[in-house]
Amino acid sequence: MAQTQTNTFTATLDVLASILPTHLRKPRVGIVCGSGLSTLASSLRDKVEVPYNSLKGFGKSTVEGHKSSLAFGLIGEGDGVPVVAMLGRFHPYEGHPLATVVYPIRVLARLGVKHLIITNAAGGLNPNLDVGSIVVIQDHLALPNLTGPLNPLFGPQPFPDYPRFLPLSDAYSVTLRRLAFLAAHSLSFPDSALQEGTYAWVSGPTYETPAEGRFLRSVGADVVGMSTVPEVVAAREEGMEVTVLSLVTNKVVIPDKPRSIKEEVKAELAGKPIPIPPTQVVSHEEVLEIGKQKAEDMRKLVTRMIELLQKQ
């Protein structure tokens, strides 16, 4: 199995070497673009896009708001920092095996990426988080990881020299998290624009029920989404520094108390009907719209982080 995967990596890297100019072949920073956030690639100079379908081992992103290509280019002054951006990610709910979901991350590591900036669209669980705010993730809660086969490291080890038991207490780089807040300050973002919190990974593709949202909030999660954690786990196994920026695109529907049909019927029969609360639902269109509105802020933030990284 390890030899087969090694051959796949070799084939992917050979294609990239044949396409990319020399100064883009060894990116220092990798970016994973979440739903509606592929405009991050507009910051790249000397940009070269390579479609996923030309690279062995890559799947195809089937979710609206995700492209299917790698974008290589430069960010920063002078020679700039070589960067590669994933314009579209893979999710287990699309039917992709976990090995496919994290394959691009492992390719980025083999290209030389040392710092990985992962972005995503997420639902807000913490009532103090406004829609449109960006949450710098400091920890995660991954229910699929805790219950078995959806952990990307589950099963035989394809790389025997990697640790069997990977620690994740230091998964989120303090250095990169500091850069996020320094970047926000230098961009004169309002204090409320950037927050900190814990990301809950759920398998999807269903949005959370009120009870599920209430549970995730009660155990300490601030935002929730259907991606990211497998990429974090693989990146840490590959030795990369990782930071995650979650854009709050909607508030998870968590009423103060469940609607009681029994009480409504009793009130109606007593001639004192209770006002019916509006039904709240979340849609992917809403997620994409907020992503579109805030994409420029996310682009500026990530670009400035890389510029600051260049000076270190």
C-alpha atoms as a PDB file:
ATOM      1  CA  MET A   1       0.000   0.000   0.000  1.00  0.00           C
ATOM      2  CA  ALA A   2       2.779   2.431   0.945  1.00  0.00           C
ATOM      3  CA  GLN A   3       4.577   1.756  -2.337  1.00  0.00           C
ATOM      4  CA  THR A   4       1.367   2.334  -4.331  1.00  0.00           C
ATOM      5  CA  GLN A   5       0.761   5.666  -2.590  1.00  0.00           C
ATOM      6  CA  THR A   6       4.396   6.653  -3.095  1.00  0.00           C
ATOM      7  CA  ASN A   7       4.020   5.988  -6.825  1.00  0.00           C
ATOM      8  CA  THR A   8       0.889   8.159  -6.907  1.00  0.00           C
ATOM      9  CA  PHE A   9       2.705  11.013  -5.179  1.00  0.00           C
ATOM     10  CA  THR A  10       5.577  10.684  -7.640  1.00  0.00           C
ATOM     11  CA  ALA A  11       3.198  10.863 -10.607  1.00  0.00           C
ATOM     12  CA  THR A  12       1.481  13.963  -9.174  1.00  0.00           C
ATOM     13  CA  LEU A  13       4.753  15.741  -8.430  1.00  0.00           C
ATOM     14  CA  ASP A  14       6.133  14.910 -11.878  1.00  0.00           C
ATOM     15  CA  VAL A  15       3.139  16.557 -13.553  1.00  0.00           C
ATOM     16  CA  LEU A  16       3.497  19.666 -11.416  1.00  0.00           C
ATOM     17  CA  ALA A  17       7.235  19.874 -12.121  1.00  0.00           C
ATOM     18  CA  SER A  18       6.522  19.721 -15.843  1.00  0.00           C
ATOM     19  CA  ILE A  19       4.001  22.591 -15.657  1.00  0.00           C
ATOM     20  CA  LEU A  20       5.340  25.015 -13.058  1.00  0.00           C
ATOM     21  CA  PRO A  21       8.153  27.518 -13.590  1.00  0.00           C
ATOM     22  CA  THR A  22      11.132  26.973 -11.318  1.00  0.00           C
ATOM     23  CA  HIS A  23      10.309  29.788  -8.864  1.00  0.00           C
ATOM     24  CA  LEU A  24       6.861  28.285  -8.068  1.00  0.00           C
ATOM     25  CA  ARG A  25       7.856  24.633  -7.627  1.00  0.00           C
ATOM     26  CA  LYS A  26       8.603  24.824  -3.890  1.00  0.00           C
ATOM     27  CA  PRO A  27       5.803  26.789  -2.192  1.00  0.00           C
ATOM     28  CA  ARG A  28       6.407  27.778   1.408  1.00  0.00           C
ATOM     29  CA  VAL A  29       2.776  28.448   2.327  1.00  0.00           C
ATOM     30  CA  GLY A  30      -0.339  26.456   1.502  1.00  0.00           C
ATOM     31  CA  ILE A  31      -3.892  27.828   1.597  1.00  0.00           C
ATOM     32  CA  VAL A  32      -7.087  25.778   1.634  1.00  0.00           C
ATOM     33  CA  CYS A  33     -10.033  27.815   0.347  1.00  0.00           C
ATOM     34  CA  GLY A  34     -13.438  27.153   1.887  1.00  0.00           C
ATOM     35  CA  SER A  35     -16.930  27.652   0.442  1.00  0.00           C
ATOM     36  CA  GLY A  36     -17.057  30.850  -1.601  1.00  0.00           C
ATOM     37  CA  LEU A  37     -13.514  31.847  -0.619  1.00  0.00           C
ATOM     38  CA  SER A  38     -11.591  30.898  -3.761  1.00  0.00           C
ATOM     39  CA  THR A  39     -11.025  34.605  -4.489  1.00  0.00           C
ATOM     40  CA  LEU A  40      -8.070  34.274  -2.110  1.00  0.00           C
ATOM     41  CA  ALA A  41      -6.117  33.257  -5.199  1.00  0.00           C
ATOM     42  CA  SER A  42      -6.584  36.731  -6.680  1.00  0.00           C
ATOM     43  CA  SER A  43      -3.709  37.910  -4.456  1.00  0.00           C
ATOM     44  CA  LEU A  44      -1.238  35.686  -6.294  1.00  0.00           C
ATOM     45  CA  ARG A  45       1.313  37.108  -8.745  1.00  0.00           C
ATOM     46  CA  ASP A  46       2.622  34.959 -11.611  1.00  0.00           C
ATOM     47  CA  LYS A  47      -0.393  32.711 -11.012  1.00  0.00           C
ATOM     48  CA  VAL A  48      -0.496  29.258 -12.588  1.00  0.00           C
ATOM     49  CA  GLU A  49      -3.614  27.105 -12.122  1.00  0.00           C
ATOM     50  CA  VAL A  50      -3.469  23.339 -12.437  1.00  0.00           C
ATOM     51  CA  PRO A  51      -6.834  21.517 -12.605  1.00  0.00           C
ATOM     52  CA  TYR A  52      -7.309  18.620 -10.220  1.00  0.00           C
ATOM     53  CA  ASN A  53      -8.292  16.307 -13.076  1.00  0.00           C
ATOM     54  CA  SER A  54      -4.739  16.518 -14.422  1.00  0.00           C
ATOM     55  CA  LEU A  55      -3.269  15.272 -11.142  1.00  0.00           C
ATOM     56  CA  LYS A  56      -3.279  11.607 -10.191  1.00  0.00           C
ATOM     57  CA  GLY A  57      -4.792  10.954  -6.784  1.00  0.00           C
ATOM     58  CA  PHE A  58      -6.957  14.082  -6.705  1.00  0.00           C
ATOM     59  CA  GLY A  59     -10.725  13.819  -6.527  1.00  0.00           C
ATOM     60  CA  LYS A  60     -13.239  16.323  -7.871  1.00  0.00           C
ATOM     61  CA  SER A  61     -14.990  18.809  -5.634  1.00  0.00           C
ATOM     62  CA  THR A  62     -18.742  18.563  -6.277  1.00  0.00           C
ATOM     63  CA  VAL A  63     -19.924  21.304  -3.894  1.00  0.00           C
ATOM     64  CA  GLU A  64     -21.074  24.672  -5.205  1.00  0.00           C
ATOM     65  CA  GLY A  65     -18.607  27.388  -4.242  1.00  0.00           C
ATOM     66  CA  HIS A  66     -15.593  25.108  -4.652  1.00  0.00           C
ATOM     67  CA  LYS A  67     -13.439  25.071  -7.772  1.00  0.00           C
ATOM     68  CA  SER A  68     -11.207  22.111  -8.582  1.00  0.00           C
ATOM     69  CA  SER A  69      -7.676  23.350  -9.121  1.00  0.00           C
ATOM     70  CA  LEU A  70      -4.398  24.212  -7.456  1.00  0.00           C
ATOM     71  CA  ALA A  71      -3.261  27.816  -7.883  1.00  0.00           C
ATOM     72  CA  PHE A  72       0.452  28.579  -7.578  1.00  0.00           C
ATOM     73  CA  GLY A  73       1.893  32.080  -7.306  1.00  0.00           C
ATOM     74  CA  LEU A  74       3.713  34.675  -5.237  1.00  0.00           C
ATOM     75  CA  ILE A  75       2.573  36.931  -2.390  1.00  0.00           C
ATOM     76  CA  GLY A  76       4.601  39.736  -0.858  1.00  0.00           C
ATOM     77  CA  GLU A  77       7.229  42.247  -1.792  1.00  0.00           C
ATOM     78  CA  GLY A  78      10.326  41.652  -3.901  1.00  0.00           C
ATOM     79  CA  ASP A  79      10.746  38.015  -4.840  1.00  0.00           C
ATOM     80  CA  GLY A  80       7.678  37.257  -2.757  1.00  0.00           C
ATOM     81  CA  VAL A  81       6.658  34.106  -0.910  1.00  0.00           C
ATOM     82  CA  PRO A  82       5.816  31.124  -3.150  1.00  0.00           C
ATOM     83  CA  VAL A  83       2.300  29.959  -2.293  1.00  0.00           C
ATOM     84  CA  VAL A  84      -0.077  27.216  -3.399  1.00  0.00           C
ATOM     85  CA  ALA A  85      -3.843  27.497  -2.876  1.00  0.00           C
ATOM     86  CA  MET A  86      -6.373  24.688  -3.033  1.00  0.00           C
ATOM     87  CA  LEU A  87      -9.366  26.146  -4.863  1.00  0.00           C
ATOM     88  CA  GLY A  88     -11.842  23.596  -3.627  1.00  0.00           C
ATOM     89  CA  ARG A  89     -11.556  20.844  -1.062  1.00  0.00           C
ATOM     90  CA  PHE A  90     -12.966  17.340  -0.710  1.00  0.00           C
ATOM     91  CA  HIS A  91     -15.441  16.248   1.952  1.00  0.00           C
ATOM     92  CA  PRO A  92     -16.240  12.737   3.203  1.00  0.00           C
ATOM     93  CA  TYR A  93     -19.968  13.419   2.679  1.00  0.00           C
ATOM     94  CA  GLU A  94     -19.334  13.681  -1.074  1.00  0.00           C
ATOM     95  CA  GLY A  95     -18.316  10.035  -0.993  1.00  0.00           C
ATOM     96  CA  HIS A  96     -14.572  10.636  -1.025  1.00  0.00           C
ATOM     97  CA  PRO A  97     -12.484   8.246   1.076  1.00  0.00           C
ATOM     98  CA  LEU A  98     -10.504   9.981   3.803  1.00  0.00           C
ATOM     99  CA  ALA A  99      -7.288   9.175   1.931  1.00  0.00           C
ATOM    100  CA  THR A 100      -8.594  11.258  -0.990  1.00  0.00           C
ATOM    101  CA  VAL A 101      -9.802  14.067   1.296  1.00  0.00           C
ATOM    102  CA  VAL A 102      -6.306  14.563   2.726  1.00  0.00           C
ATOM    103  CA  TYR A 103      -4.264  13.567  -0.350  1.00  0.00           C
ATOM    104  CA  PRO A 104      -3.786  17.206  -1.496  1.00  0.00           C
ATOM    105  CA  ILE A 105      -2.466  18.118   1.961  1.00  0.00           C
ATOM    106  CA  ARG A 106       0.135  15.382   1.713  1.00  0.00           C
ATOM    107  CA  VAL A 107       1.064  16.613  -1.774  1.00  0.00           C
ATOM    108  CA  LEU A 108       1.527  20.134  -0.402  1.00  0.00           C
ATOM    109  CA  ALA A 109       3.883  18.762   2.247  1.00  0.00           C
ATOM    110  CA  ARG A 110       5.932  16.989  -0.423  1.00  0.00           C
ATOM    111  CA  LEU A 111       6.125  20.208  -2.427  1.00  0.00           C
ATOM    112  CA  GLY A 112       7.792  21.851   0.576  1.00  0.00           C
ATOM    113  CA  VAL A 113       4.900  23.681   2.291  1.00  0.00           C
ATOM    114  CA  LYS A 114       5.785  24.471   5.911  1.00  0.00           C
ATOM    115  CA  HIS A 115       2.841  26.683   6.901  1.00  0.00           C
ATOM    116  CA  LEU A 116      -0.785  25.812   6.118  1.00  0.00           C
ATOM    117  CA  ILE A 117      -3.633  28.336   6.351  1.00  0.00           C
ATOM    118  CA  ILE A 118      -7.006  26.594   6.189  1.00  0.00           C
ATOM    119  CA  THR A 119     -10.207  28.575   5.688  1.00  0.00           C
ATOM    120  CA  ASN A 120     -13.795  27.433   5.924  1.00  0.00           C
ATOM    121  CA  ALA A 121     -17.377  28.614   6.137  1.00  0.00           C
ATOM    122  CA  ALA A 122     -18.878  27.681   9.490  1.00  0.00           C
ATOM    123  CA  GLY A 123     -22.072  27.947  11.473  1.00  0.00           C
ATOM    124  CA  GLY A 124     -21.998  30.034  14.636  1.00  0.00           C
ATOM    125  CA  LEU A 125     -22.827  28.189  17.858  1.00  0.00           C
ATOM    126  CA  ASN A 126     -21.598  30.829  20.284  1.00  0.00           C
ATOM    127  CA  PRO A 127     -24.337  33.502  20.502  1.00  0.00           C
ATOM    128  CA  ASN A 128     -21.641  36.180  20.891  1.00  0.00           C
ATOM    129  CA  LEU A 129     -20.297  35.538  17.390  1.00  0.00           C
ATOM    130  CA  ASP A 130     -21.792  37.745  14.698  1.00  0.00           C
ATOM    131  CA  VAL A 131     -22.376  36.535  11.151  1.00  0.00           C
ATOM    132  CA  GLY A 132     -19.429  37.759   9.098  1.00  0.00           C
ATOM    133  CA  SER A 133     -16.863  37.511  11.882  1.00  0.00           C
ATOM    134  CA  ILE A 134     -13.704  35.452  11.390  1.00  0.00           C
ATOM    135  CA  VAL A 135     -12.798  32.972  14.121  1.00  0.00           C
ATOM    136  CA  VAL A 136      -9.149  32.024  14.616  1.00  0.00           C
ATOM    137  CA  ILE A 137      -9.434  28.405  15.713  1.00  0.00           C
ATOM    138  CA  GLN A 138      -7.554  27.480  18.867  1.00  0.00           C
ATOM    139  CA  ASP A 139      -8.844  23.921  19.281  1.00  0.00           C
ATOM    140  CA  HIS A 140     -11.302  21.476  17.761  1.00  0.00           C
ATOM    141  CA  LEU A 141     -13.915  18.951  18.756  1.00  0.00           C
ATOM    142  CA  ALA A 142     -14.168  16.194  16.164  1.00  0.00           C
ATOM    143  CA  LEU A 143     -16.957  13.736  16.873  1.00  0.00           C
ATOM    144  CA  PRO A 144     -16.179  11.644  13.728  1.00  0.00           C
ATOM    145  CA  ASN A 145     -12.546  11.363  14.867  1.00  0.00           C
ATOM    146  CA  LEU A 146     -13.575  10.063  18.258  1.00  0.00           C
ATOM    147  CA  THR A 147     -15.804   7.322  16.905  1.00  0.00           C
ATOM    148  CA  GLY A 148     -13.584   5.463  14.459  1.00  0.00           C
ATOM    149  CA  PRO A 149     -13.436   5.147  10.682  1.00  0.00           C
ATOM    150  CA  LEU A 150     -13.757   8.857   9.856  1.00  0.00           C
ATOM    151  CA  ASN A 151     -10.421   9.611  11.474  1.00  0.00           C
ATOM    152  CA  PRO A 152      -8.019  10.067   8.522  1.00  0.00           C
ATOM    153  CA  LEU A 153      -5.327   8.082  10.368  1.00  0.00           C
ATOM    154  CA  PHE A 154      -7.606   5.101  11.008  1.00  0.00           C
ATOM    155  CA  GLY A 155      -6.361   1.777   9.610  1.00  0.00           C
ATOM    156  CA  PRO A 156      -2.973   0.434   8.545  1.00  0.00           C
ATOM    157  CA  GLN A 157      -0.160   2.964   8.475  1.00  0.00           C
ATOM    158  CA  PRO A 158       0.739   3.860   4.877  1.00  0.00           C
ATOM    159  CA  PHE A 159       3.905   5.582   6.123  1.00  0.00           C
ATOM    160  CA  PRO A 160       5.592   3.396   8.782  1.00  0.00           C
ATOM    161  CA  ASP A 161       8.039   6.116   9.842  1.00  0.00           C
ATOM    162  CA  TYR A 162       5.164   8.403  10.941  1.00  0.00           C
ATOM    163  CA  PRO A 163       3.930   8.253  14.558  1.00  0.00           C
ATOM    164  CA  ARG A 164       1.180   5.719  15.189  1.00  0.00           C
ATOM    165  CA  PHE A 165      -0.362   7.938  17.869  1.00  0.00           C
ATOM    166  CA  LEU A 166      -0.404  11.561  16.799  1.00  0.00           C
ATOM    167  CA  PRO A 167      -0.697  14.232  19.529  1.00  0.00           C
ATOM    168  CA  LEU A 168      -3.091  17.070  18.714  1.00  0.00           C
ATOM    169  CA  SER A 169      -2.835  19.205  21.848  1.00  0.00           C
ATOM    170  CA  ASP A 170      -0.567  21.530  19.840  1.00  0.00           C
ATOM    171  CA  ALA A 171      -2.424  21.226  16.529  1.00  0.00           C
ATOM    172  CA  TYR A 172      -3.013  24.957  16.041  1.00  0.00           C
ATOM    173  CA  SER A 173       0.166  27.002  15.658  1.00  0.00           C
ATOM    174  CA  VAL A 174       0.514  29.814  18.189  1.00  0.00           C
ATOM    175  CA  THR A 175       2.893  31.583  15.805  1.00  0.00           C
ATOM    176  CA  LEU A 176       0.373  31.642  12.962  1.00  0.00           C
ATOM    177  CA  ARG A 177      -2.513  32.584  15.258  1.00  0.00           C
ATOM    178  CA  ARG A 178      -0.510  35.587  16.471  1.00  0.00           C
ATOM    179  CA  LEU A 179       0.145  36.574  12.862  1.00  0.00           C
ATOM    180  CA  ALA A 180      -3.611  36.563  12.212  1.00  0.00           C
ATOM    181  CA  PHE A 181      -4.246  39.117  14.959  1.00  0.00           C
ATOM    182  CA  LEU A 182      -1.204  41.204  14.017  1.00  0.00           C
ATOM    183  CA  ALA A 183      -2.434  41.200  10.416  1.00  0.00           C
ATOM    184  CA  ALA A 184      -5.934  42.269  11.483  1.00  0.00           C
ATOM    185  CA  HIS A 185      -4.437  45.117  13.508  1.00  0.00           C
ATOM    186  CA  SER A 186      -2.285  46.336  10.628  1.00  0.00           C
ATOM    187  CA  LEU A 187      -5.365  46.280   8.366  1.00  0.00           C
ATOM    188  CA  SER A 188      -7.321  48.345  10.923  1.00  0.00           C
ATOM    189  CA  PHE A 189     -10.017  45.682  11.221  1.00  0.00           C
ATOM    190  CA  PRO A 190     -12.429  46.428  14.086  1.00  0.00           C
ATOM    191  CA  ASP A 191     -11.772  44.399  17.221  1.00  0.00           C
ATOM    192  CA  SER A 192     -14.979  42.398  16.684  1.00  0.00           C
ATOM    193  CA  ALA A 193     -13.901  41.252  13.200  1.00  0.00           C
ATOM    194  CA  LEU A 194     -11.525  38.594  14.528  1.00  0.00           C
ATOM    195  CA  GLN A 195     -12.405  36.240  17.375  1.00  0.00           C
ATOM    196  CA  GLU A 196     -11.029  33.024  18.868  1.00  0.00           C
ATOM    197  CA  GLY A 197     -12.829  29.753  19.388  1.00  0.00           C
ATOM    198  CA  THR A 198     -13.213  26.009  19.078  1.00  0.00           C
ATOM    199  CA  TYR A 199     -14.324  24.339  15.838  1.00  0.00           C
ATOM    200  CA  ALA A 200     -16.639  21.322  15.905  1.00  0.00           C
ATOM    201  CA  TRP A 201     -16.324  18.940  12.956  1.00  0.00           C
ATOM    202  CA  VAL A 202     -19.452  17.009  12.016  1.00  0.00           C
ATOM    203  CA  SER A 203     -19.808  14.676   9.066  1.00  0.00           C
ATOM    204  CA  GLY A 204     -22.679  16.493   7.294  1.00  0.00           C
ATOM    205  CA  PRO A 205     -24.191  16.967   4.796  1.00  0.00           C
ATOM    206  CA  THR A 206     -27.211  17.766   6.992  1.00  0.00           C
ATOM    207  CA  TYR A 207     -27.191  20.979   8.983  1.00  0.00           C
ATOM    208  CA  GLU A 208     -27.548  20.537  12.721  1.00  0.00           C
ATOM    209  CA  THR A 209     -30.860  20.044  14.469  1.00  0.00           C
ATOM    210  CA  PRO A 210     -31.514  22.462  17.351  1.00  0.00           C
ATOM    211  CA  ALA A 211     -30.755  19.659  19.820  1.00  0.00           C
ATOM    212  CA  GLU A 212     -27.452  18.890  18.097  1.00  0.00           C
ATOM    213  CA  GLY A 213     -26.523  22.562  18.029  1.00  0.00           C
ATOM    214  CA  ARG A 214     -27.420  22.903  21.707  1.00  0.00           C
ATOM    215  CA  PHE A 215     -25.261  19.873  22.523  1.00  0.00           C
ATOM    216  CA  LEU A 216     -22.243  21.156  20.582  1.00  0.00           C
ATOM    217  CA  ARG A 217     -22.528  24.553  22.243  1.00  0.00           C
ATOM    218  CA  SER A 218     -22.815  22.944  25.693  1.00  0.00           C
ATOM    219  CA  VAL A 219     -19.574  20.974  25.225  1.00  0.00           C
ATOM    220  CA  GLY A 220     -17.581  24.053  24.293  1.00  0.00           C
ATOM    221  CA  ALA A 221     -17.773  24.456  20.506  1.00  0.00           C
ATOM    222  CA  ASP A 222     -18.049  27.987  19.107  1.00  0.00           C
ATOM    223  CA  VAL A 223     -18.444  27.172  15.412  1.00  0.00           C
ATOM    224  CA  VAL A 224     -19.364  24.043  13.475  1.00  0.00           C
ATOM    225  CA  GLY A 225     -18.584  22.777   9.992  1.00  0.00           C
ATOM    226  CA  MET A 226     -18.239  19.748   7.741  1.00  0.00           C
ATOM    227  CA  SER A 227     -14.558  19.980   6.787  1.00  0.00           C
ATOM    228  CA  THR A 228     -11.105  21.069   7.955  1.00  0.00           C
ATOM    229  CA  VAL A 229     -10.254  18.647  10.767  1.00  0.00           C
ATOM    230  CA  PRO A 230      -9.104  15.805   8.464  1.00  0.00           C
ATOM    231  CA  GLU A 231      -6.825  18.333   6.746  1.00  0.00           C
ATOM    232  CA  VAL A 232      -5.485  19.547  10.102  1.00  0.00           C
ATOM    233  CA  VAL A 233      -4.754  15.989  11.229  1.00  0.00           C
ATOM    234  CA  ALA A 234      -2.930  15.091   8.008  1.00  0.00           C
ATOM    235  CA  ALA A 235      -0.980  18.358   8.017  1.00  0.00           C
ATOM    236  CA  ARG A 236       0.183  17.802  11.570  1.00  0.00           C
ATOM    237  CA  GLU A 237       1.195  14.254  10.731  1.00  0.00           C
ATOM    238  CA  GLU A 238       3.236  15.730   7.864  1.00  0.00           C
ATOM    239  CA  GLY A 239       4.914  18.183  10.241  1.00  0.00           C
ATOM    240  CA  MET A 240       3.342  21.405   8.985  1.00  0.00           C
ATOM    241  CA  GLU A 241       2.377  24.386  11.131  1.00  0.00           C
ATOM    242  CA  VAL A 242      -1.375  24.932  10.832  1.00  0.00           C
ATOM    243  CA  THR A 243      -3.857  27.696  11.455  1.00  0.00           C
ATOM    244  CA  VAL A 244      -7.587  27.716  10.680  1.00  0.00           C
ATOM    245  CA  LEU A 245      -9.753  30.756   9.923  1.00  0.00           C
ATOM    246  CA  SER A 246     -13.488  30.081  10.127  1.00  0.00           C
ATOM    247  CA  LEU A 247     -15.861  32.606   8.562  1.00  0.00           C
ATOM    248  CA  VAL A 248     -19.192  32.617  10.402  1.00  0.00           C
ATOM    249  CA  THR A 249     -21.689  32.527   7.535  1.00  0.00           C
ATOM    250  CA  ASN A 250     -24.820  31.740   9.549  1.00  0.00           C
ATOM    251  CA  LYS A 251     -26.011  31.197  13.079  1.00  0.00           C
ATOM    252  CA  VAL A 252     -26.942  27.634  13.941  1.00  0.00           C
ATOM    253  CA  VAL A 253     -30.666  27.475  14.691  1.00  0.00           C
ATOM    254  CA  ILE A 254     -30.864  26.997  18.470  1.00  0.00           C
ATOM    255  CA  PRO A 255     -34.134  28.359  19.923  1.00  0.00           C
ATOM    256  CA  ASP A 256     -34.080  29.341  23.601  1.00  0.00           C
ATOM    257  CA  LYS A 257     -36.528  26.512  24.185  1.00  0.00           C
ATOM    258  CA  PRO A 258     -38.135  23.934  21.898  1.00  0.00           C
ATOM    259  CA  ARG A 259     -41.479  24.889  20.387  1.00  0.00           C
ATOM    260  CA  SER A 260     -44.290  23.120  22.244  1.00  0.00           C
ATOM    261  CA  ILE A 261     -47.141  22.071  19.973  1.00  0.00           C
ATOM    262  CA  LYS A 262     -48.957  20.751  23.048  1.00  0.00           C
ATOM    263  CA  GLU A 263     -48.980  24.203  24.636  1.00  0.00           C
ATOM    264  CA  GLU A 264     -50.091  25.822  21.364  1.00  0.00           C
ATOM    265  CA  VAL A 265     -53.030  23.415  21.036  1.00  0.00           C
ATOM    266  CA  LYS A 266     -54.051  23.917  24.665  1.00  0.00           C
ATOM    267  CA  ALA A 267     -53.953  27.700  24.236  1.00  0.00           C
ATOM    268  CA  GLU A 268     -55.926  27.477  20.983  1.00  0.00           C
ATOM    269  CA  LEU A 269     -58.624  25.326  22.628  1.00  0.00           C
ATOM    270  CA  ALA A 270     -58.809  27.807  25.501  1.00  0.00           C
ATOM    271  CA  GLY A 271     -59.410  30.640  23.049  1.00  0.00           C
ATOM    272  CA  LYS A 272     -56.031  32.255  23.770  1.00  0.00           C
ATOM    273  CA  PRO A 273     -53.834  31.243  20.837  1.00  0.00           C
ATOM    274  CA  ILE A 274     -50.074  31.677  21.216  1.00  0.00           C
ATOM    275  CA  PRO A 275     -48.236  33.588  18.420  1.00  0.00           C
ATOM    276  CA  ILE A 276     -46.555  31.084  16.138  1.00  0.00           C
ATOM    277  CA  PRO A 277     -42.774  31.670  15.925  1.00  0.00           C
ATOM    278  CA  PRO A 278     -41.274  31.848  12.409  1.00  0.00           C
ATOM    279  CA  THR A 279     -39.571  28.699  11.142  1.00  0.00           C
ATOM    280  CA  GLN A 280     -35.809  29.161  10.846  1.00  0.00           C
ATOM    281  CA  VAL A 281     -33.684  27.145   8.432  1.00  0.00           C
ATOM    282  CA  VAL A 282     -30.145  27.402   7.059  1.00  0.00           C
ATOM    283  CA  SER A 283     -29.321  27.148   3.360  1.00  0.00           C
ATOM    284  CA  HIS A 284     -26.118  26.708   1.381  1.00  0.00           C
ATOM    285  CA  GLU A 285     -27.113  29.782  -0.633  1.00  0.00           C
ATOM    286  CA  GLU A 286     -26.935  31.817   2.579  1.00  0.00           C
ATOM    287  CA  VAL A 287     -23.484  30.402   3.304  1.00  0.00           C
ATOM    288  CA  LEU A 288     -22.226  31.314  -0.178  1.00  0.00           C
ATOM    289  CA  GLU A 289     -23.696  34.801  -0.020  1.00  0.00           C
ATOM    290  CA  ILE A 290     -21.954  35.683   3.240  1.00  0.00           C
ATOM    291  CA  GLY A 291     -18.768  34.073   1.892  1.00  0.00           C
ATOM    292  CA  LYS A 292     -19.007  36.321  -1.139  1.00  0.00           C
ATOM    293  CA  GLN A 293     -19.574  39.414   0.997  1.00  0.00           C
ATOM    294  CA  LYS A 294     -16.637  38.729   3.311  1.00  0.00           C
ATOM    295  CA  ALA A 295     -14.243  37.162   0.792  1.00  0.00           C
ATOM    296  CA  GLU A 296     -12.323  40.414   0.406  1.00  0.00           C
ATOM    297  CA  ASP A 297     -11.699  40.678   4.154  1.00  0.00           C
ATOM    298  CA  MET A 298     -10.489  37.082   4.227  1.00  0.00           C
ATOM    299  CA  ARG A 299      -8.253  37.715   1.208  1.00  0.00           C
ATOM    300  CA  LYS A 300      -6.704  40.785   2.833  1.00  0.00           C
ATOM    301  CA  LEU A 301      -6.161  38.964   6.119  1.00  0.00           C
ATOM    302  CA  VAL A 302      -4.476  35.906   4.601  1.00  0.00           C
ATOM    303  CA  THR A 303      -2.357  38.058   2.290  1.00  0.00           C
ATOM    304  CA  ARG A 304      -1.143  40.223   5.174  1.00  0.00           C
ATOM    305  CA  MET A 305      -0.378  37.138   7.276  1.00  0.00           C
ATOM    306  CA  ILE A 306       1.867  35.829   4.505  1.00  0.00           C
ATOM    307  CA  GLU A 307       3.512  39.225   4.111  1.00  0.00           C
ATOM    308  CA  LEU A 308       4.277  39.246   7.837  1.00  0.00           C
ATOM    309  CA  LEU A 309       5.550  35.683   7.611  1.00  0.00           C
ATOM    310  CA  GLN A 310       7.910  36.814   4.848  1.00  0.00           C
ATOM    311  CA  LYS A 311       9.589  39.204   7.301  1.00  0.00           C
ATOM    312  CA  GLN A 312      10.278  36.541   9.904  1.00  0.00           C
END
